[in-house]
Protein backbone atom coordinates (compact mmCIF):
# COMPACT_ATOMS: atom_id res chain seq x y z
CA UNK A 1 0.00 0.00 0.00
CA UNK A 2 1.22 3.46 -0.91
CA UNK A 3 -0.21 5.66 1.80
CA UNK A 4 -2.74 8.28 0.76
CA UNK A 5 -3.70 9.31 4.27
CA UNK A 6 -2.44 7.70 7.47
CA UNK A 7 -3.61 4.18 8.32
CA UNK A 8 -5.33 5.20 11.54
CA UNK A 9 -7.33 8.03 9.92
CA UNK A 10 -8.43 6.29 6.69
CA UNK A 11 -12.20 5.76 6.70
CA UNK A 12 -12.36 3.63 3.51
CA UNK A 13 -14.87 6.09 2.07
CA UNK A 14 -13.68 5.05 -1.40
CA UNK A 15 -13.21 8.56 -2.80
CA UNK A 16 -9.62 7.83 -3.88
CA UNK A 17 -10.66 4.70 -5.77
CA UNK A 18 -13.55 6.41 -7.57
CA UNK A 19 -11.59 9.49 -8.64
CA UNK A 20 -8.57 7.56 -9.98
CA UNK A 21 -8.34 7.99 -13.81
CA UNK A 22 -6.33 4.79 -14.35
CA UNK A 23 -8.30 2.64 -11.87
CA UNK A 24 -5.06 1.58 -10.21
CA UNK A 25 -6.57 1.67 -6.68
CA UNK A 26 -8.44 -1.28 -5.17
CA UNK A 27 -9.93 -1.79 -1.72
CA UNK A 28 -8.61 -4.83 0.17
CA UNK A 29 -9.28 -6.22 3.64
CA UNK A 30 -6.48 -6.08 6.20
CA UNK A 31 -5.95 -8.72 8.92
CA UNK A 32 -8.78 -7.23 10.97
CA UNK A 33 -11.24 -7.38 8.07
CA UNK A 34 -11.33 -3.62 7.41
CA UNK A 35 -11.02 -2.24 3.88
CA UNK A 36 -8.06 -0.06 2.87
CA UNK A 37 -6.94 1.36 -0.50
CA UNK A 38 -4.04 -0.36 -2.26
CA UNK A 39 -2.30 1.21 -5.25
CA UNK A 40 -0.83 -0.66 -8.22
CA UNK A 41 2.36 1.38 -8.68
CA UNK A 42 2.88 0.07 -12.22
CA UNK A 43 -0.41 1.64 -13.33
CA UNK A 44 -0.20 4.82 -11.23
CA UNK A 45 0.58 7.96 -13.28
CA UNK A 46 1.24 10.09 -10.18
CA UNK A 47 -1.58 12.54 -10.98
CA UNK A 48 -2.24 12.91 -7.24
CA UNK A 49 -6.00 13.12 -7.74
CA UNK A 50 -6.39 10.67 -4.85
CA UNK A 51 -4.42 13.02 -2.59
CA UNK A 52 -6.44 16.07 -3.66
CA UNK A 53 -9.74 14.20 -3.22
CA UNK A 54 -9.17 12.39 0.09
CA UNK A 55 -11.57 14.02 2.61
CA UNK A 56 -9.23 13.13 5.48
CA UNK A 57 -6.48 15.29 3.99
CA UNK A 58 -8.78 17.95 2.54
CA UNK A 59 -11.16 18.90 5.31
CA UNK A 60 -14.65 19.86 4.21
CA UNK A 61 -15.75 23.34 5.24
CA UNK A 62 -19.45 22.72 4.64
CA UNK A 63 -20.55 21.84 8.18
CA UNK A 64 -23.91 23.34 9.18
CA UNK A 65 -25.53 23.66 12.59
CA UNK A 66 -28.35 21.18 13.08
CA UNK A 67 -31.98 21.81 14.00
CA UNK A 68 -33.43 18.96 16.09
CA UNK A 69 -36.71 17.10 15.55
CA UNK A 70 -38.37 13.92 16.71
CA UNK A 71 -40.19 12.13 13.90
CA UNK A 72 -41.88 8.96 12.75
CA UNK A 73 -43.59 7.65 9.64
CA UNK A 74 -47.39 7.60 9.68
CA UNK A 75 -47.56 4.11 8.16
CA UNK A 76 -47.17 1.45 10.88
CA UNK A 77 -46.14 -1.11 8.28
CA UNK A 78 -43.20 1.13 7.38
CA UNK A 79 -42.28 1.37 11.07
CA UNK A 80 -42.34 -2.42 11.31
CA UNK A 81 -39.76 -2.62 8.51
CA UNK A 82 -37.56 0.18 9.87
CA UNK A 83 -34.95 0.14 12.63
CA UNK A 84 -36.27 3.38 14.10
CA UNK A 85 -39.01 5.80 13.07
CA UNK A 86 -38.94 5.43 9.29
CA UNK A 87 -37.57 8.89 8.37
CA UNK A 88 -35.34 7.37 5.69
CA UNK A 89 -38.41 5.88 4.00
CA UNK A 90 -40.18 9.26 4.02
CA UNK A 91 -37.18 10.88 2.33
CA UNK A 92 -36.94 8.03 -0.17
CA UNK A 93 -40.62 8.35 -1.02
CA UNK A 94 -40.11 12.08 -1.63
CA UNK A 95 -37.30 11.39 -4.13
CA UNK A 96 -38.87 8.36 -5.84
CA UNK A 97 -42.15 10.24 -6.38
CA UNK A 98 -40.11 12.70 -8.46
CA UNK A 99 -38.62 10.00 -10.66
CA UNK A 100 -35.41 9.99 -8.63
CA UNK A 101 -32.92 7.40 -7.43
CA UNK A 102 -32.18 6.28 -3.87
CA UNK A 103 -28.66 5.12 -3.02
CA UNK A 104 -27.89 3.29 0.20
CA UNK A 105 -26.32 0.26 1.85
CA UNK A 106 -27.58 -3.28 1.26
CA UNK A 107 -26.56 -6.29 3.35
CA UNK A 108 -26.07 -9.39 1.21
CA UNK A 109 -26.95 -12.22 3.59
CA UNK A 110 -25.23 -14.83 1.42
CA UNK A 111 -21.81 -13.18 1.20
CA UNK A 112 -22.29 -11.20 4.45
CA UNK A 113 -20.98 -8.12 2.68
CA UNK A 114 -22.50 -4.65 2.72
CA UNK A 115 -22.49 -2.75 -0.58
CA UNK A 116 -23.89 0.58 -1.71
CA UNK A 117 -26.53 0.12 -4.40
CA UNK A 118 -29.15 2.26 -6.16
CA UNK A 119 -32.89 1.56 -6.34
CA UNK A 120 -35.56 3.29 -8.41
CA UNK A 121 -38.86 2.09 -6.94
CA UNK A 122 -40.62 1.66 -3.60
CA UNK A 123 -40.38 -2.13 -3.80
CA UNK A 124 -36.59 -1.88 -3.65
CA UNK A 125 -36.58 0.02 -0.37
CA UNK A 126 -36.59 -3.16 1.72
CA UNK A 127 -33.06 -3.80 0.43
CA UNK A 128 -31.87 -0.59 2.07
CA UNK A 129 -33.86 -0.61 5.30
CA UNK A 130 -32.67 -1.86 8.70
CA UNK A 131 -29.36 -1.17 10.38
CA UNK A 132 -26.00 -2.51 9.26
CA UNK A 133 -23.28 -2.35 11.85
CA UNK A 134 -20.31 -2.92 9.61
CA UNK A 135 -18.84 -0.97 6.75
CA UNK A 136 -20.22 -0.85 3.23
CA UNK A 137 -18.23 -0.90 0.01
CA UNK A 138 -19.18 2.25 -1.91
CA UNK A 139 -17.99 0.73 -5.20
CA UNK A 140 -18.49 3.38 -7.91
CA UNK A 141 -21.63 5.03 -6.50
CA UNK A 142 -20.10 8.52 -6.23
CA UNK A 143 -19.55 8.54 -10.00
CA UNK A 144 -22.99 6.99 -10.53
CA UNK A 145 -24.48 9.80 -8.44
CA UNK A 146 -22.73 12.36 -10.64
CA UNK A 147 -24.18 10.72 -13.76
CA UNK A 148 -27.72 10.73 -12.34
CA UNK A 149 -27.39 14.43 -11.49
CA UNK A 150 -26.06 15.27 -14.97
CA UNK A 151 -29.15 13.59 -16.39
CA UNK A 152 -31.39 15.84 -14.29
CA UNK A 153 -32.55 13.23 -11.80
CA UNK A 154 -33.13 13.60 -8.08
CA UNK A 155 -30.78 11.53 -5.91
CA UNK A 156 -31.13 10.63 -2.24
CA UNK A 157 -27.71 9.45 -1.03
CA UNK A 158 -27.55 7.80 2.39
CA UNK A 159 -24.49 6.63 4.28
CA UNK A 160 -22.17 7.43 7.15
CA UNK A 161 -20.78 10.95 7.53
CA UNK A 162 -17.37 9.93 6.20
CA UNK A 163 -19.06 8.52 3.09
CA UNK A 164 -20.97 11.78 2.61
CA UNK A 165 -17.61 13.57 2.84
CA UNK A 166 -16.18 11.22 0.20
CA UNK A 167 -19.16 11.82 -2.07
CA UNK A 168 -18.78 15.59 -1.79
CA UNK A 169 -15.06 15.59 -2.65
CA UNK A 170 -15.65 13.42 -5.72
CA UNK A 171 -18.59 15.56 -6.89
CA UNK A 172 -16.79 18.87 -6.38
CA UNK A 173 -19.07 21.80 -7.32
CA UNK A 174 -21.75 19.32 -8.37
CA UNK A 175 -22.46 18.64 -4.68
CA UNK A 176 -24.43 21.90 -4.67
CA UNK A 177 -26.85 20.53 -7.28
CA UNK A 178 -30.36 21.21 -5.98
CA UNK A 179 -31.47 17.68 -6.88
CA UNK A 180 -28.96 15.98 -4.58
CA UNK A 181 -30.26 15.21 -1.08
CA UNK A 182 -27.90 13.62 1.43
CA UNK A 183 -28.71 11.86 4.69
CA UNK A 184 -26.15 10.47 7.11
CA UNK A 185 -26.80 7.92 9.81
CA UNK A 186 -25.51 9.11 13.18
CA UNK A 187 -22.65 6.69 13.60
CA UNK A 188 -21.24 4.96 16.69
CA UNK A 189 -18.46 3.48 14.54
CA UNK A 190 -18.18 0.47 12.24
CA UNK A 191 -17.24 -3.14 12.82
CA UNK A 192 -15.63 -5.40 10.20
CA UNK A 193 -16.99 -8.42 8.37
CA UNK A 194 -14.45 -10.55 10.23
CA UNK A 195 -16.25 -9.78 13.49
CA UNK A 196 -19.65 -10.67 12.01
CA UNK A 197 -18.30 -13.95 10.64
CA UNK A 198 -16.88 -14.84 14.07
CA UNK A 199 -20.17 -13.95 15.77
CA UNK A 200 -22.20 -16.09 13.35
CA UNK A 201 -19.77 -19.00 13.70
CA UNK A 202 -20.03 -18.81 17.49
CA UNK A 203 -23.84 -18.86 17.43
CA UNK A 204 -23.93 -21.76 14.98
CA UNK A 205 -21.60 -23.69 17.26
CA UNK A 206 -23.75 -22.95 20.30
CA UNK A 207 -27.09 -23.84 18.71
CA UNK A 208 -25.69 -26.60 16.46
CA UNK A 209 -27.44 -25.40 13.28
CA UNK A 210 -26.71 -23.10 10.36
CA UNK A 211 -27.82 -19.48 10.28
CA UNK A 212 -29.29 -18.38 6.96
CA UNK A 213 -30.29 -14.82 7.83
CA UNK A 214 -29.81 -12.22 10.56
CA UNK A 215 -31.11 -8.79 11.49
CA UNK A 216 -29.21 -6.47 13.81
CA UNK A 217 -32.28 -4.54 14.91
CA UNK A 218 -35.71 -6.11 14.79
CA UNK A 219 -38.97 -5.14 16.48
CA UNK A 220 -41.20 -7.85 17.89
CA UNK A 221 -43.13 -8.80 21.02
CA UNK A 222 -39.92 -9.85 22.77
CA UNK A 223 -37.83 -6.86 21.66
CA UNK A 224 -39.57 -3.51 21.35
CA UNK A 225 -37.92 -0.41 19.90
CA UNK A 226 -37.49 1.37 23.25
CA UNK A 227 -35.39 -1.51 24.59
CA UNK A 228 -33.15 -1.22 21.54
CA UNK A 229 -34.80 -3.96 19.53
CA UNK A 230 -33.22 -7.37 19.25
CA UNK A 231 -30.73 -9.37 17.24
CA UNK A 232 -32.77 -11.82 15.20
CA UNK A 233 -31.23 -15.03 13.88
CA UNK A 234 -33.05 -17.19 11.31
CA UNK A 235 -31.84 -20.78 11.06
CA UNK A 236 -31.95 -23.08 8.06
CA UNK A 237 -34.38 -25.42 9.85
CA UNK A 238 -36.98 -22.62 9.93
CA UNK A 239 -36.56 -21.69 13.59
CA UNK A 240 -35.73 -18.18 14.82
CA UNK A 241 -34.11 -16.64 17.86
CA UNK A 242 -34.40 -13.04 19.08
CA UNK A 243 -31.90 -11.82 21.67
CA UNK A 244 -32.38 -8.53 23.51
CA UNK A 245 -29.82 -5.98 22.34
CA UNK A 246 -28.39 -5.27 25.84
CA UNK A 247 -27.45 -8.93 26.42
CA UNK A 248 -26.50 -9.91 22.87
CA UNK A 249 -22.75 -10.52 22.62
CA UNK A 250 -22.36 -8.64 19.34
CA UNK A 251 -23.90 -5.50 20.79
CA UNK A 252 -21.95 -5.78 24.04
CA UNK A 253 -18.70 -5.81 22.07
CA UNK A 254 -19.93 -3.09 19.72
CA UNK A 255 -21.19 -0.75 22.45
CA UNK A 256 -17.98 -1.29 24.44
CA UNK A 257 -16.10 -0.26 21.24
CA UNK A 258 -13.92 -3.38 21.30
CA UNK A 259 -13.60 -3.82 17.53
CA UNK A 260 -14.30 -0.52 15.77
CA UNK A 261 -12.24 0.72 12.84
CA UNK A 262 -9.21 2.70 14.04
CA UNK A 263 -10.42 5.92 12.38
CA UNK A 264 -13.71 5.73 14.29
CA UNK A 265 -11.91 6.54 17.54
CA UNK A 266 -10.74 9.79 15.90
CA UNK A 267 -13.92 10.60 13.97
CA UNK A 268 -14.01 14.23 12.85
CA UNK A 269 -17.70 14.11 11.96
CA UNK A 270 -19.08 13.96 15.50
CA UNK A 271 -20.98 16.94 16.86
CA UNK A 272 -24.07 18.99 16.17
CA UNK A 273 -22.62 20.59 13.04
CA UNK A 274 -23.22 18.20 10.15
CA UNK A 275 -22.21 17.75 6.50
CA UNK A 276 -25.32 16.04 5.15
CA UNK A 277 -28.67 17.72 4.53
CA UNK A 278 -30.32 15.41 7.06
CA UNK A 279 -28.99 13.28 9.90
CA UNK A 280 -31.06 10.41 11.28
CA UNK A 281 -30.75 8.39 14.48
CA UNK A 282 -32.83 6.86 17.26
CA UNK A 283 -34.41 9.33 19.67
CA UNK A 284 -33.41 7.46 22.80
CA UNK A 285 -34.28 10.44 25.00
CA UNK A 286 -38.01 10.29 24.26
CA UNK A 287 -40.40 9.27 27.04
CA UNK A 288 -44.01 8.13 27.26
CA UNK A 289 -44.85 11.64 28.46
CA UNK A 290 -43.97 12.88 24.94
CA UNK A 291 -45.40 10.10 22.76
CA UNK A 292 -47.83 7.22 23.13
CA UNK A 293 -46.85 3.82 24.49
CA UNK A 294 -47.61 2.35 21.08
CA UNK A 295 -45.21 4.76 19.41
CA UNK A 296 -42.52 3.93 21.97
CA UNK A 297 -42.83 0.33 20.85
CA UNK A 298 -42.89 1.12 17.12
CA UNK A 299 -39.99 3.58 17.09
CA UNK A 300 -39.18 7.29 17.20
CA UNK A 301 -36.44 8.86 15.10
CA UNK A 302 -34.16 11.71 15.90
CA UNK A 303 -34.00 13.85 12.76
CA UNK A 304 -31.45 16.63 12.34
CA UNK A 305 -32.25 19.20 9.66
CA UNK A 306 -28.94 20.76 8.70
CA UNK A 307 -29.28 22.86 5.55
CA UNK A 308 -31.65 25.32 3.91
CA UNK A 309 -32.45 22.68 1.31
CA UNK A 310 -33.43 20.22 4.06
CA UNK A 311 -35.68 22.79 5.76
CA UNK A 312 -37.52 23.36 2.49
CA UNK A 313 -38.00 19.63 1.93
CA UNK A 314 -39.17 19.12 5.52
CA UNK A 315 -42.32 21.13 4.84
CA UNK A 316 -43.20 18.75 2.00
CA UNK A 317 -42.93 15.62 4.17
CA UNK A 318 -46.04 16.28 6.28
CA UNK A 319 -48.10 13.87 4.21
CA UNK A 320 -46.18 10.83 5.37
CA UNK A 321 -44.20 12.00 8.39
CA UNK A 322 -45.09 13.19 11.89
CA UNK A 323 -42.42 15.53 13.24
CA UNK A 324 -41.97 18.03 16.05
CA UNK A 325 -39.04 20.29 16.87
CA UNK A 326 -37.23 19.42 20.11
CA UNK A 327 -34.48 20.97 22.19
CA UNK A 328 -30.97 19.67 21.44
CA UNK A 329 -30.48 18.80 25.12
CA UNK A 330 -33.35 16.32 24.88
CA UNK A 331 -31.27 14.18 22.50
CA UNK A 332 -27.58 14.98 22.92
CA UNK A 333 -27.03 13.11 26.24
CA UNK A 334 -28.34 9.91 24.67
CA UNK A 335 -26.28 10.04 21.46
CA UNK A 336 -22.54 10.27 22.13
CA UNK A 337 -21.75 10.95 18.46
CA UNK A 338 -23.36 14.37 18.87
CA UNK A 339 -20.48 15.34 21.16
CA UNK A 340 -17.31 13.29 20.56
CA UNK A 341 -15.92 10.02 19.16
CA UNK A 342 -15.93 6.86 21.25
CA UNK A 343 -12.88 6.24 23.41
CA UNK A 344 -10.56 3.44 22.31
CA UNK A 345 -10.68 0.77 25.07
CA UNK A 346 -7.55 -1.17 26.09
CA UNK A 347 -9.21 -4.39 24.87
CA UNK A 348 -8.94 -3.09 21.29
CA UNK A 349 -5.16 -3.74 21.39
CA UNK A 350 -5.62 -7.51 21.71
CA UNK A 351 -9.14 -8.22 20.45
CA UNK A 352 -8.33 -9.29 16.89
CA UNK A 353 -5.27 -11.30 17.98
CA UNK A 354 -7.37 -13.17 20.55
CA UNK A 355 -10.20 -13.66 18.05
CA UNK A 356 -7.93 -15.88 15.95
CA UNK A 357 -7.84 -18.55 18.65
CA UNK A 358 -10.90 -17.88 20.81
CA UNK A 359 -14.64 -18.36 20.28
CA UNK A 360 -16.34 -14.98 19.81
CA UNK A 361 -18.93 -15.36 22.60
CA UNK A 362 -16.33 -16.58 25.06
CA UNK A 363 -14.02 -13.70 24.19
CA UNK A 364 -16.71 -11.04 24.72
CA UNK A 365 -17.78 -12.54 28.05
CA UNK A 366 -14.13 -12.71 29.09
CA UNK A 367 -13.46 -9.08 28.16
CA UNK A 368 -16.75 -7.61 29.36
CA UNK A 369 -18.06 -10.03 31.98
CA UNK A 370 -19.30 -7.29 34.34
CA UNK A 371 -21.12 -5.52 31.52
CA UNK A 372 -22.80 -8.74 30.44
CA UNK A 373 -23.93 -9.62 33.99
CA UNK A 374 -25.12 -6.08 34.78
CA UNK A 375 -27.14 -5.94 31.53
CA UNK A 376 -28.66 -9.32 32.31
CA UNK A 377 -29.68 -8.16 35.79
CA UNK A 378 -31.19 -4.93 34.42
CA UNK A 379 -33.13 -6.90 31.81
CA UNK A 380 -34.64 -9.16 34.48
CA UNK A 381 -35.54 -6.21 36.70
CA UNK A 382 -37.26 -4.43 33.79
CA UNK A 383 -39.25 -7.55 32.97
CA UNK A 384 -40.27 -7.85 36.62
CA UNK A 385 -41.34 -4.26 37.37
CA UNK A 386 -41.96 -2.80 33.91
CA UNK A 387 -40.18 -0.14 31.84
CA UNK A 388 -41.86 2.89 33.43
CA UNK A 389 -41.24 1.74 37.01
CA UNK A 390 -37.65 0.93 36.10
CA UNK A 391 -37.12 4.50 34.84
CA UNK A 392 -38.65 5.87 38.04
CA UNK A 393 -36.29 3.67 40.03
CA UNK A 394 -33.33 5.12 38.12
CA UNK A 395 -34.54 8.68 38.80
CA UNK A 396 -34.81 7.95 42.53
CA UNK A 397 -31.35 6.35 42.50
CA UNK A 398 -29.85 9.44 40.80
CA UNK A 399 -31.57 11.76 43.32
CA UNK A 400 -30.07 9.76 46.19
CA UNK A 401 -26.66 10.03 44.55
CA UNK A 402 -27.16 13.77 44.14
CA UNK A 403 -27.08 13.73 40.31
């Protein structure tokens, strides 16, 4: 690899690959399963377009201060097929109704790879819905976006903030095209495919049957939205298993930041000033005093409106979207990425080395035993006394502690 930006700051946004005139750059997985750009020196003409385009080297000055809203889609069927409140679907419907194209991340359950793809009809939206907790390959979608815009089409581009930054540097002045709408998912960080493969292998070993499908965030009777949803595993014999997010070993490792990409610990896109037109996340700070119990179960989104273009579009979403402006302090304490990147834990130094010889579940419980046990205890208490009483108990506890 000829270094474009430093190893620990590279986000694998793919801008360098997509701008290269000789196509001498390819993305390859390193030992941890994360993608990095590799340059074929024999084909490189030293034009330095990759250097001039890399958003890590060339910081984007287009950050805008966000306006905060809570929101959810009016169609309960949409909510059922969404990780949160269905804001992405509302934006997609807006673009598709104008003959536009929606670009986002699809999880291929066969290869277990996440790739950016484009869809042109409502039926294709299911391919882009639901959360993916590891990094997507952007392929050539930045150049595809440019072509759609040149042909006068609307484009909704969704991705992480670093991918939005990559898109903007490839598009150049074209990023200001009025038909381009961008939405970033408020990002905790990304895992690698290697971690997912190890997790799946561990579960197959435990349950002694093959997994054919999996969903990181699903809503069902046993895992409502407010509890974070659940990891759903579908086995080849037709059986399913839903594990509460707080006690699922993937989410314990993910939330403890044990295996994030190195650049995620230094993310420059955290904060309340955003690059994309819209930012979407879960509104974890919402309570039953603000919305109905039914809505708490179905999902409520946090929607950040960041640009003048987004504010204009917002007024046209009333037909399918319920939204209400909220104070930033209602959401910021519950979404760390609105303040700073996640801290790099000491376990990150040895995680991938240990993963080579240790079962995934055993490794997570070894590293984060106290977290696992505490989450299990909290889960049982919630089930025993109910969500509302549990929150009241926490308030009383904080009052006693003087918080």
